[in-house]
Amino acid sequence: MGAAGFPLGRVCATRGVAHDMERDAAFARFVAGSLARYRCCDWGDVSAADGKANSGAVECGGERILAAYRYPGHGSRKIWILTEADRSVTTVLYPEEY
């Protein structure tokens, strides 16, 4: 159960994110920090409308939750964190892996 009251299910990363985490400790810390923010309903770099939809999904359930986080100091590089509507799986991925 996340700090905000929604289950994350099984947390996993795509091949690209997992590979980069293994090779770069700073990136691995960024991913861990992003997950911590996500658990606290800090949706990162999404629009206000998407943030509101995420918060509604936490309250009411039944919808996917998607947040985006920019990797500081690395241009436009970012990750997404996506929790399925049934809360069975949360995946960390690059947008291009979607």
PDB file of N, CA and C in Angstrom:
ATOM      1  N   MET A   1       0.851  -1.178   0.000  1.00  0.00           N
ATOM      2  CA  MET A   1       0.000   0.000   0.000  1.00  0.00           C
ATOM      3  C   MET A   1       0.887   1.227   0.000  1.00  0.00           C
ATOM      4  N   GLY A   2       0.616   2.172  -0.892  1.00  0.00           N
ATOM      5  CA  GLY A   2       1.366   3.418  -0.933  1.00  0.00           C
ATOM      6  C   GLY A   2       0.995   4.306   0.240  1.00  0.00           C
ATOM      7  N   ALA A   3       1.816   5.297   0.511  1.00  0.00           N
ATOM      8  CA  ALA A   3       1.575   6.193   1.631  1.00  0.00           C
ATOM      9  C   ALA A   3       0.243   6.920   1.485  1.00  0.00           C
ATOM     10  N   ALA A   4      -0.201   7.154   0.262  1.00  0.00           N
ATOM     11  CA  ALA A   4      -1.441   7.874   0.027  1.00  0.00           C
ATOM     12  C   ALA A   4      -2.643   6.948   0.031  1.00  0.00           C
ATOM     13  N   GLY A   5      -2.425   5.650   0.208  1.00  0.00           N
ATOM     14  CA  GLY A   5      -3.546   4.746   0.310  1.00  0.00           C
ATOM     15  C   GLY A   5      -3.891   3.995  -0.960  1.00  0.00           C
ATOM     16  N   PHE A   6      -2.995   3.927  -1.908  1.00  0.00           N
ATOM     17  CA  PHE A   6      -3.285   3.095  -3.075  1.00  0.00           C
ATOM     18  C   PHE A   6      -2.188   2.063  -3.256  1.00  0.00           C
ATOM     19  N   PRO A   7      -2.600   0.831  -3.551  1.00  0.00           N
ATOM     20  CA  PRO A   7      -1.608  -0.228  -3.730  1.00  0.00           C
ATOM     21  C   PRO A   7      -0.858  -0.071  -5.042  1.00  0.00           C
ATOM     22  N   LEU A   8       0.422  -0.372  -5.013  1.00  0.00           N
ATOM     23  CA  LEU A   8       1.244  -0.316  -6.222  1.00  0.00           C
ATOM     24  C   LEU A   8       1.301  -1.672  -6.922  1.00  0.00           C
ATOM     25  N   GLY A   9       0.922  -2.727  -6.228  1.00  0.00           N
ATOM     26  CA  GLY A   9       1.059  -4.059  -6.795  1.00  0.00           C
ATOM     27  C   GLY A   9       2.530  -4.413  -6.941  1.00  0.00           C
ATOM     28  N   ARG A  10       2.833  -5.224  -7.927  1.00  0.00           N
ATOM     29  CA  ARG A  10       4.224  -5.593  -8.206  1.00  0.00           C
ATOM     30  C   ARG A  10       4.893  -4.412  -8.909  1.00  0.00           C
ATOM     31  N   VAL A  11       6.004  -3.939  -8.398  1.00  0.00           N
ATOM     32  CA  VAL A  11       6.733  -2.828  -9.002  1.00  0.00           C
ATOM     33  C   VAL A  11       7.833  -3.398  -9.888  1.00  0.00           C
ATOM     34  N   CYS A  12       7.858  -2.969 -11.137  1.00  0.00           N
ATOM     35  CA  CYS A  12       8.861  -3.451 -12.079  1.00  0.00           C
ATOM     36  C   CYS A  12       9.317  -2.302 -12.973  1.00  0.00           C
ATOM     37  N   ALA A  13      10.377  -2.565 -13.705  1.00  0.00           N
ATOM     38  CA  ALA A  13      10.923  -1.584 -14.647  1.00  0.00           C
ATOM     39  C   ALA A  13      11.080  -2.266 -16.001  1.00  0.00           C
ATOM     40  N   THR A  14      10.950  -1.479 -17.045  1.00  0.00           N
ATOM     41  CA  THR A  14      11.193  -2.006 -18.382  1.00  0.00           C
ATOM     42  C   THR A  14      12.674  -2.323 -18.539  1.00  0.00           C
ATOM     43  N   ARG A  15      12.989  -3.040 -19.576  1.00  0.00           N
ATOM     44  CA  ARG A  15      14.380  -3.436 -19.834  1.00  0.00           C
ATOM     45  C   ARG A  15      15.300  -2.214 -19.914  1.00  0.00           C
ATOM     46  N   GLY A  16      14.857  -1.163 -20.611  1.00  0.00           N
ATOM     47  CA  GLY A  16      15.690   0.028 -20.770  1.00  0.00           C
ATOM     48  C   GLY A  16      15.981   0.721 -19.453  1.00  0.00           C
ATOM     49  N   VAL A  17      14.958   0.904 -18.633  1.00  0.00           N
ATOM     50  CA  VAL A  17      15.139   1.553 -17.333  1.00  0.00           C
ATOM     51  C   VAL A  17      15.989   0.674 -16.424  1.00  0.00           C
ATOM     52  N   ALA A  18      15.701  -0.623 -16.373  1.00  0.00           N
ATOM     53  CA  ALA A  18      16.471  -1.529 -15.517  1.00  0.00           C
ATOM     54  C   ALA A  18      17.948  -1.534 -15.915  1.00  0.00           C
ATOM     55  N   HIS A  19      18.215  -1.546 -17.200  1.00  0.00           N
ATOM     56  CA  HIS A  19      19.596  -1.529 -17.695  1.00  0.00           C
ATOM     57  C   HIS A  19      20.314  -0.259 -17.237  1.00  0.00           C
ATOM     58  N   ASP A  20      19.650   0.884 -17.399  1.00  0.00           N
ATOM     59  CA  ASP A  20      20.276   2.145 -17.017  1.00  0.00           C
ATOM     60  C   ASP A  20      20.457   2.253 -15.502  1.00  0.00           C
ATOM     61  N   MET A  21      19.530   1.672 -14.731  1.00  0.00           N
ATOM     62  CA  MET A  21      19.677   1.676 -13.272  1.00  0.00           C
ATOM     63  C   MET A  21      20.885   0.847 -12.841  1.00  0.00           C
ATOM     64  N   GLU A  22      21.106  -0.265 -13.520  1.00  0.00           N
ATOM     65  CA  GLU A  22      22.249  -1.116 -13.183  1.00  0.00           C
ATOM     66  C   GLU A  22      23.572  -0.433 -13.498  1.00  0.00           C
ATOM     67  N   ARG A  23      23.593   0.370 -14.537  1.00  0.00           N
ATOM     68  CA  ARG A  23      24.837   1.001 -14.992  1.00  0.00           C
ATOM     69  C   ARG A  23      25.114   2.348 -14.333  1.00  0.00           C
ATOM     70  N   ASP A  24      24.103   2.977 -13.747  1.00  0.00           N
ATOM     71  CA  ASP A  24      24.235   4.352 -13.261  1.00  0.00           C
ATOM     72  C   ASP A  24      23.557   4.490 -11.898  1.00  0.00           C
ATOM     73  N   ALA A  25      24.349   4.523 -10.837  1.00  0.00           N
ATOM     74  CA  ALA A  25      23.805   4.598  -9.478  1.00  0.00           C
ATOM     75  C   ALA A  25      22.997   5.872  -9.261  1.00  0.00           C
ATOM     76  N   ALA A  26      23.422   6.983  -9.864  1.00  0.00           N
ATOM     77  CA  ALA A  26      22.681   8.238  -9.707  1.00  0.00           C
ATOM     78  C   ALA A  26      21.299   8.125 -10.338  1.00  0.00           C
ATOM     79  N   PHE A  27      21.223   7.469 -11.488  1.00  0.00           N
ATOM     80  CA  PHE A  27      19.929   7.273 -12.133  1.00  0.00           C
ATOM     81  C   PHE A  27      19.053   6.343 -11.276  1.00  0.00           C
ATOM     82  N   ALA A  28      19.638   5.320 -10.698  1.00  0.00           N
ATOM     83  CA  ALA A  28      18.884   4.419  -9.823  1.00  0.00           C
ATOM     84  C   ALA A  28      18.311   5.180  -8.629  1.00  0.00           C
ATOM     85  N   ARG A  29      19.089   6.105  -8.072  1.00  0.00           N
ATOM     86  CA  ARG A  29      18.588   6.936  -6.964  1.00  0.00           C
ATOM     87  C   ARG A  29      17.457   7.845  -7.439  1.00  0.00           C
ATOM     88  N   PHE A  30      17.578   8.385  -8.657  1.00  0.00           N
ATOM     89  CA  PHE A  30      16.509   9.213  -9.222  1.00  0.00           C
ATOM     90  C   PHE A  30      15.218   8.402  -9.350  1.00  0.00           C
ATOM     91  N   VAL A  31      15.313   7.183  -9.843  1.00  0.00           N
ATOM     92  CA  VAL A  31      14.127   6.334  -9.987  1.00  0.00           C
ATOM     93  C   VAL A  31      13.516   6.056  -8.612  1.00  0.00           C
ATOM     94  N   ALA A  32      14.338   5.703  -7.635  1.00  0.00           N
ATOM     95  CA  ALA A  32      13.840   5.440  -6.280  1.00  0.00           C
ATOM     96  C   ALA A  32      13.163   6.682  -5.701  1.00  0.00           C
ATOM     97  N   GLY A  33      13.766   7.848  -5.903  1.00  0.00           N
ATOM     98  CA  GLY A  33      13.171   9.088  -5.419  1.00  0.00           C
ATOM     99  C   GLY A  33      11.868   9.404  -6.122  1.00  0.00           C
ATOM    100  N   SER A  34      11.803   9.118  -7.406  1.00  0.00           N
ATOM    101  CA  SER A  34      10.570   9.342  -8.169  1.00  0.00           C
ATOM    102  C   SER A  34       9.457   8.432  -7.663  1.00  0.00           C
ATOM    103  N   LEU A  35       9.783   7.184  -7.362  1.00  0.00           N
ATOM    104  CA  LEU A  35       8.787   6.269  -6.794  1.00  0.00           C
ATOM    105  C   LEU A  35       8.291   6.774  -5.438  1.00  0.00           C
ATOM    106  N   ALA A  36       9.186   7.319  -4.638  1.00  0.00           N
ATOM    107  CA  ALA A  36       8.788   7.873  -3.345  1.00  0.00           C
ATOM    108  C   ALA A  36       7.823   9.047  -3.543  1.00  0.00           C
ATOM    109  N   ARG A  37       8.121   9.906  -4.494  1.00  0.00           N
ATOM    110  CA  ARG A  37       7.225  11.031  -4.796  1.00  0.00           C
ATOM    111  C   ARG A  37       5.865  10.520  -5.258  1.00  0.00           C
ATOM    112  N   TYR A  38       5.886   9.517  -6.122  1.00  0.00           N
ATOM    113  CA  TYR A  38       4.670   8.922  -6.669  1.00  0.00           C
ATOM    114  C   TYR A  38       3.789   8.371  -5.552  1.00  0.00           C
ATOM    115  N   ARG A  39       4.399   7.671  -4.617  1.00  0.00           N
ATOM    116  CA  ARG A  39       3.649   7.087  -3.494  1.00  0.00           C
ATOM    117  C   ARG A  39       2.963   8.171  -2.664  1.00  0.00           C
ATOM    118  N   CYS A  40       3.512   9.383  -2.689  1.00  0.00           N
ATOM    119  CA  CYS A  40       2.938  10.513  -1.948  1.00  0.00           C
ATOM    120  C   CYS A  40       2.016  11.367  -2.818  1.00  0.00           C
ATOM    121  N   CYS A  41       1.644  10.844  -3.982  1.00  0.00           N
ATOM    122  CA  CYS A  41       0.751  11.537  -4.917  1.00  0.00           C
ATOM    123  C   CYS A  41       1.342  12.827  -5.471  1.00  0.00           C
ATOM    124  N   ASP A  42       2.650  12.884  -5.576  1.00  0.00           N
ATOM    125  CA  ASP A  42       3.340  13.963  -6.295  1.00  0.00           C
ATOM    126  C   ASP A  42       3.529  13.419  -7.707  1.00  0.00           C
ATOM    127  N   TRP A  43       2.750  13.920  -8.635  1.00  0.00           N
ATOM    128  CA  TRP A  43       2.695  13.353  -9.986  1.00  0.00           C
ATOM    129  C   TRP A  43       3.765  13.886 -10.916  1.00  0.00           C
ATOM    130  N   GLY A  44       4.659  14.715 -10.418  1.00  0.00           N
ATOM    131  CA  GLY A  44       5.777  15.178 -11.231  1.00  0.00           C
ATOM    132  C   GLY A  44       5.367  16.137 -12.323  1.00  0.00           C
ATOM    133  N   ASP A  45       5.809  15.845 -13.534  1.00  0.00           N
ATOM    134  CA  ASP A  45       5.658  16.767 -14.662  1.00  0.00           C
ATOM    135  C   ASP A  45       4.479  16.402 -15.556  1.00  0.00           C
ATOM    136  N   VAL A  46       3.289  16.332 -14.953  1.00  0.00           N
ATOM    137  CA  VAL A  46       2.076  16.136 -15.750  1.00  0.00           C
ATOM    138  C   VAL A  46       1.252  17.414 -15.683  1.00  0.00           C
ATOM    139  N   SER A  47       0.316  17.541 -16.591  1.00  0.00           N
ATOM    140  CA  SER A  47      -0.550  18.724 -16.597  1.00  0.00           C
ATOM    141  C   SER A  47      -1.427  18.733 -15.348  1.00  0.00           C
ATOM    142  N   ALA A  48      -1.996  19.885 -15.056  1.00  0.00           N
ATOM    143  CA  ALA A  48      -2.900  19.995 -13.910  1.00  0.00           C
ATOM    144  C   ALA A  48      -4.097  19.062 -14.083  1.00  0.00           C
ATOM    145  N   ALA A  49      -4.601  18.963 -15.289  1.00  0.00           N
ATOM    146  CA  ALA A  49      -5.743  18.080 -15.556  1.00  0.00           C
ATOM    147  C   ALA A  49      -5.376  16.615 -15.321  1.00  0.00           C
ATOM    148  N   ASP A  50      -4.185  16.216 -15.770  1.00  0.00           N
ATOM    149  CA  ASP A  50      -3.749  14.836 -15.552  1.00  0.00           C
ATOM    150  C   ASP A  50      -3.504  14.564 -14.064  1.00  0.00           C
ATOM    151  N   GLY A  51      -2.959  15.544 -13.363  1.00  0.00           N
ATOM    152  CA  GLY A  51      -2.764  15.398 -11.927  1.00  0.00           C
ATOM    153  C   GLY A  51      -4.088  15.226 -11.194  1.00  0.00           C
ATOM    154  N   LYS A  52      -5.073  15.999 -11.605  1.00  0.00           N
ATOM    155  CA  LYS A  52      -6.404  15.887 -10.998  1.00  0.00           C
ATOM    156  C   LYS A  52      -7.014  14.515 -11.297  1.00  0.00           C
ATOM    157  N   ALA A  53      -6.837  14.034 -12.521  1.00  0.00           N
ATOM    158  CA  ALA A  53      -7.344  12.706 -12.885  1.00  0.00           C
ATOM    159  C   ALA A  53      -6.649  11.623 -12.056  1.00  0.00           C
ATOM    160  N   ASN A  54      -5.330  11.754 -11.861  1.00  0.00           N
ATOM    161  CA  ASN A  54      -4.600  10.793 -11.034  1.00  0.00           C
ATOM    162  C   ASN A  54      -5.139  10.789  -9.613  1.00  0.00           C
ATOM    163  N   SER A  55      -5.342  11.964  -9.046  1.00  0.00           N
ATOM    164  CA  SER A  55      -5.843  12.051  -7.676  1.00  0.00           C
ATOM    165  C   SER A  55      -7.242  11.447  -7.575  1.00  0.00           C
ATOM    166  N   GLY A  56      -8.065  11.671  -8.594  1.00  0.00           N
ATOM    167  CA  GLY A  56      -9.394  11.051  -8.625  1.00  0.00           C
ATOM    168  C   GLY A  56      -9.305   9.539  -8.711  1.00  0.00           C
ATOM    169  N   ALA A  57      -8.341   9.043  -9.485  1.00  0.00           N
ATOM    170  CA  ALA A  57      -8.147   7.596  -9.604  1.00  0.00           C
ATOM    171  C   ALA A  57      -7.709   6.986  -8.274  1.00  0.00           C
ATOM    172  N   VAL A  58      -6.927   7.720  -7.504  1.00  0.00           N
ATOM    173  CA  VAL A  58      -6.519   7.236  -6.182  1.00  0.00           C
ATOM    174  C   VAL A  58      -7.747   7.156  -5.268  1.00  0.00           C
ATOM    175  N   GLU A  59      -8.579   8.185  -5.304  1.00  0.00           N
ATOM    176  CA  GLU A  59      -9.751   8.235  -4.432  1.00  0.00           C
ATOM    177  C   GLU A  59     -10.809   7.209  -4.801  1.00  0.00           C
ATOM    178  N   CYS A  60     -11.088   7.088  -6.091  1.00  0.00           N
ATOM    179  CA  CYS A  60     -12.215   6.273  -6.541  1.00  0.00           C
ATOM    180  C   CYS A  60     -11.820   4.921  -7.110  1.00  0.00           C
ATOM    181  N   GLY A  61     -10.559   4.761  -7.517  1.00  0.00           N
ATOM    182  CA  GLY A  61     -10.112   3.509  -8.123  1.00  0.00           C
ATOM    183  C   GLY A  61     -10.642   3.344  -9.541  1.00  0.00           C
ATOM    184  N   GLY A  62     -10.276   2.238 -10.146  1.00  0.00           N
ATOM    185  CA  GLY A  62     -10.805   1.897 -11.452  1.00  0.00           C
ATOM    186  C   GLY A  62     -10.140   2.544 -12.648  1.00  0.00           C
ATOM    187  N   GLU A  63      -9.165   3.402 -12.441  1.00  0.00           N
ATOM    188  CA  GLU A  63      -8.466   4.069 -13.546  1.00  0.00           C
ATOM    189  C   GLU A  63      -6.959   3.915 -13.359  1.00  0.00           C
ATOM    190  N   ARG A  64      -6.237   3.974 -14.471  1.00  0.00           N
ATOM    191  CA  ARG A  64      -4.775   3.944 -14.416  1.00  0.00           C
ATOM    192  C   ARG A  64      -4.259   5.245 -13.831  1.00  0.00           C
ATOM    193  N   ILE A  65      -3.060   5.185 -13.287  1.00  0.00           N
ATOM    194  CA  ILE A  65      -2.386   6.364 -12.760  1.00  0.00           C
ATOM    195  C   ILE A  65      -1.060   6.481 -13.508  1.00  0.00           C
ATOM    196  N   LEU A  66      -0.793   7.672 -14.053  1.00  0.00           N
ATOM    197  CA  LEU A  66       0.440   7.893 -14.813  1.00  0.00           C
ATOM    198  C   LEU A  66       1.086   9.194 -14.366  1.00  0.00           C
ATOM    199  N   ALA A  67       2.350   9.104 -13.974  1.00  0.00           N
ATOM    200  CA  ALA A  67       3.117  10.284 -13.587  1.00  0.00           C
ATOM    201  C   ALA A  67       4.390  10.337 -14.426  1.00  0.00           C
ATOM    202  N   ALA A  68       4.973  11.517 -14.515  1.00  0.00           N
ATOM    203  CA  ALA A  68       6.195  11.720 -15.311  1.00  0.00           C
ATOM    204  C   ALA A  68       7.188  12.525 -14.483  1.00  0.00           C
ATOM    205  N   TYR A  69       8.466  12.122 -14.572  1.00  0.00           N
ATOM    206  CA  TYR A  69       9.522  12.793 -13.809  1.00  0.00           C
ATOM    207  C   TYR A  69      10.725  13.033 -14.710  1.00  0.00           C
ATOM    208  N   ARG A  70      11.180  14.284 -14.756  1.00  0.00           N
ATOM    209  CA  ARG A  70      12.372  14.633 -15.536  1.00  0.00           C
ATOM    210  C   ARG A  70      13.620  14.369 -14.705  1.00  0.00           C
ATOM    211  N   TYR A  71      14.609  13.800 -15.356  1.00  0.00           N
ATOM    212  CA  TYR A  71      15.884  13.506 -14.703  1.00  0.00           C
ATOM    213  C   TYR A  71      16.701  14.793 -14.691  1.00  0.00           C
ATOM    214  N   PRO A  72      16.866  15.428 -13.529  1.00  0.00           N
ATOM    215  CA  PRO A  72      17.549  16.724 -13.460  1.00  0.00           C
ATOM    216  C   PRO A  72      18.953  16.681 -14.061  1.00  0.00           C
ATOM    217  N   GLY A  73      19.249  17.699 -14.833  1.00  0.00           N
ATOM    218  CA  GLY A  73      20.570  17.831 -15.426  1.00  0.00           C
ATOM    219  C   GLY A  73      20.798  16.977 -16.656  1.00  0.00           C
ATOM    220  N   HIS A  74      19.757  16.336 -17.153  1.00  0.00           N
ATOM    221  CA  HIS A  74      19.897  15.460 -18.312  1.00  0.00           C
ATOM    222  C   HIS A  74      18.909  15.826 -19.420  1.00  0.00           C
ATOM    223  N   GLY A  75      18.774  17.123 -19.662  1.00  0.00           N
ATOM    224  CA  GLY A  75      17.930  17.600 -20.755  1.00  0.00           C
ATOM    225  C   GLY A  75      16.491  17.154 -20.613  1.00  0.00           C
ATOM    226  N   SER A  76      15.961  16.579 -21.665  1.00  0.00           N
ATOM    227  CA  SER A  76      14.557  16.189 -21.669  1.00  0.00           C
ATOM    228  C   SER A  76      14.340  14.736 -21.233  1.00  0.00           C
ATOM    229  N   ARG A  77      15.387  14.072 -20.757  1.00  0.00           N
ATOM    230  CA  ARG A  77      15.267  12.676 -20.341  1.00  0.00           C
ATOM    231  C   ARG A  77      14.294  12.570 -19.169  1.00  0.00           C
ATOM    232  N   LYS A  78      13.322  11.660 -19.304  1.00  0.00           N
ATOM    233  CA  LYS A  78      12.359  11.486 -18.232  1.00  0.00           C
ATOM    234  C   LYS A  78      11.872  10.048 -18.181  1.00  0.00           C
ATOM    235  N   ILE A  79      11.255   9.733 -17.056  1.00  0.00           N
ATOM    236  CA  ILE A  79      10.626   8.436 -16.877  1.00  0.00           C
ATOM    237  C   ILE A  79       9.137   8.639 -16.637  1.00  0.00           C
ATOM    238  N   TRP A  80       8.394   7.610 -16.914  1.00  0.00           N
ATOM    239  CA  TRP A  80       6.988   7.542 -16.533  1.00  0.00           C
ATOM    240  C   TRP A  80       6.860   6.457 -15.477  1.00  0.00           C
ATOM    241  N   ILE A  81       5.913   6.636 -14.583  1.00  0.00           N
ATOM    242  CA  ILE A  81       5.513   5.580 -13.658  1.00  0.00           C
ATOM    243  C   ILE A  81       4.028   5.371 -13.868  1.00  0.00           C
ATOM    244  N   LEU A  82       3.658   4.130 -14.116  1.00  0.00           N
ATOM    245  CA  LEU A  82       2.286   3.790 -14.498  1.00  0.00           C
ATOM    246  C   LEU A  82       1.773   2.659 -13.616  1.00  0.00           C
ATOM    247  N   THR A  83       0.660   2.896 -12.939  1.00  0.00           N
ATOM    248  CA  THR A  83      -0.003   1.848 -12.166  1.00  0.00           C
ATOM    249  C   THR A  83      -1.282   1.464 -12.893  1.00  0.00           C
ATOM    250  N   GLU A  84      -1.446   0.167 -13.102  1.00  0.00           N
ATOM    251  CA  GLU A  84      -2.620  -0.342 -13.807  1.00  0.00           C
ATOM    252  C   GLU A  84      -3.888  -0.074 -13.007  1.00  0.00           C
ATOM    253  N   ALA A  85      -5.008  -0.022 -13.684  1.00  0.00           N
ATOM    254  CA  ALA A  85      -6.294   0.289 -13.051  1.00  0.00           C
ATOM    255  C   ALA A  85      -6.641  -0.685 -11.937  1.00  0.00           C
ATOM    256  N   ASP A  86      -6.258  -1.959 -12.085  1.00  0.00           N
ATOM    257  CA  ASP A  86      -6.564  -2.951 -11.048  1.00  0.00           C
ATOM    258  C   ASP A  86      -5.524  -2.965  -9.930  1.00  0.00           C
ATOM    259  N   ARG A  87      -4.533  -2.073 -10.027  1.00  0.00           N
ATOM    260  CA  ARG A  87      -3.461  -1.901  -9.030  1.00  0.00           C
ATOM    261  C   ARG A  87      -2.591  -3.151  -8.861  1.00  0.00           C
ATOM    262  N   SER A  88      -2.555  -4.001  -9.885  1.00  0.00           N
ATOM    263  CA  SER A  88      -1.758  -5.226  -9.799  1.00  0.00           C
ATOM    264  C   SER A  88      -0.290  -4.996 -10.101  1.00  0.00           C
ATOM    265  N   VAL A  89       0.019  -3.987 -10.920  1.00  0.00           N
ATOM    266  CA  VAL A  89       1.397  -3.750 -11.362  1.00  0.00           C
ATOM    267  C   VAL A  89       1.645  -2.251 -11.493  1.00  0.00           C
ATOM    268  N   THR A  90       2.826  -1.829 -11.062  1.00  0.00           N
ATOM    269  CA  THR A  90       3.321  -0.479 -11.319  1.00  0.00           C
ATOM    270  C   THR A  90       4.614  -0.634 -12.098  1.00  0.00           C
ATOM    271  N   THR A  91       4.707   0.075 -13.213  1.00  0.00           N
ATOM    272  CA  THR A  91       5.864  -0.050 -14.099  1.00  0.00           C
ATOM    273  C   THR A  91       6.573   1.288 -14.235  1.00  0.00           C
ATOM    274  N   VAL A  92       7.897   1.244 -14.147  1.00  0.00           N
ATOM    275  CA  VAL A  92       8.733   2.410 -14.443  1.00  0.00           C
ATOM    276  C   VAL A  92       9.257   2.205 -15.865  1.00  0.00           C
ATOM    277  N   LEU A  93       9.051   3.202 -16.716  1.00  0.00           N
ATOM    278  CA  LEU A  93       9.423   3.071 -18.127  1.00  0.00           C
ATOM    279  C   LEU A  93       9.830   4.416 -18.708  1.00  0.00           C
ATOM    280  N   TYR A  94      10.509   4.345 -19.850  1.00  0.00           N
ATOM    281  CA  TYR A  94      10.750   5.548 -20.634  1.00  0.00           C
ATOM    282  C   TYR A  94       9.531   5.774 -21.523  1.00  0.00           C
ATOM    283  N   PRO A  95       9.161   7.039 -21.780  1.00  0.00           N
ATOM    284  CA  PRO A  95       8.007   7.288 -22.642  1.00  0.00           C
ATOM    285  C   PRO A  95       8.072   6.550 -23.987  1.00  0.00           C
ATOM    286  N   GLU A  96       9.260   6.449 -24.548  1.00  0.00           N
ATOM    287  CA  GLU A  96       9.386   5.792 -25.850  1.00  0.00           C
ATOM    288  C   GLU A  96       9.204   4.284 -25.778  1.00  0.00           C
ATOM    289  N   GLU A  97       9.159   3.736 -24.566  1.00  0.00           N
ATOM    290  CA  GLU A  97       8.936   2.293 -24.402  1.00  0.00           C
ATOM    291  C   GLU A  97       7.448   1.969 -24.241  1.00  0.00           C
ATOM    292  N   TYR A  98       6.600   2.973 -24.206  1.00  0.00           N
ATOM    293  CA  TYR A  98       5.169   2.752 -23.999  1.00  0.00           C
ATOM    294  C   TYR A  98       4.535   2.089 -25.195  1.00  0.00           C
TER     295      TYR A  98
END
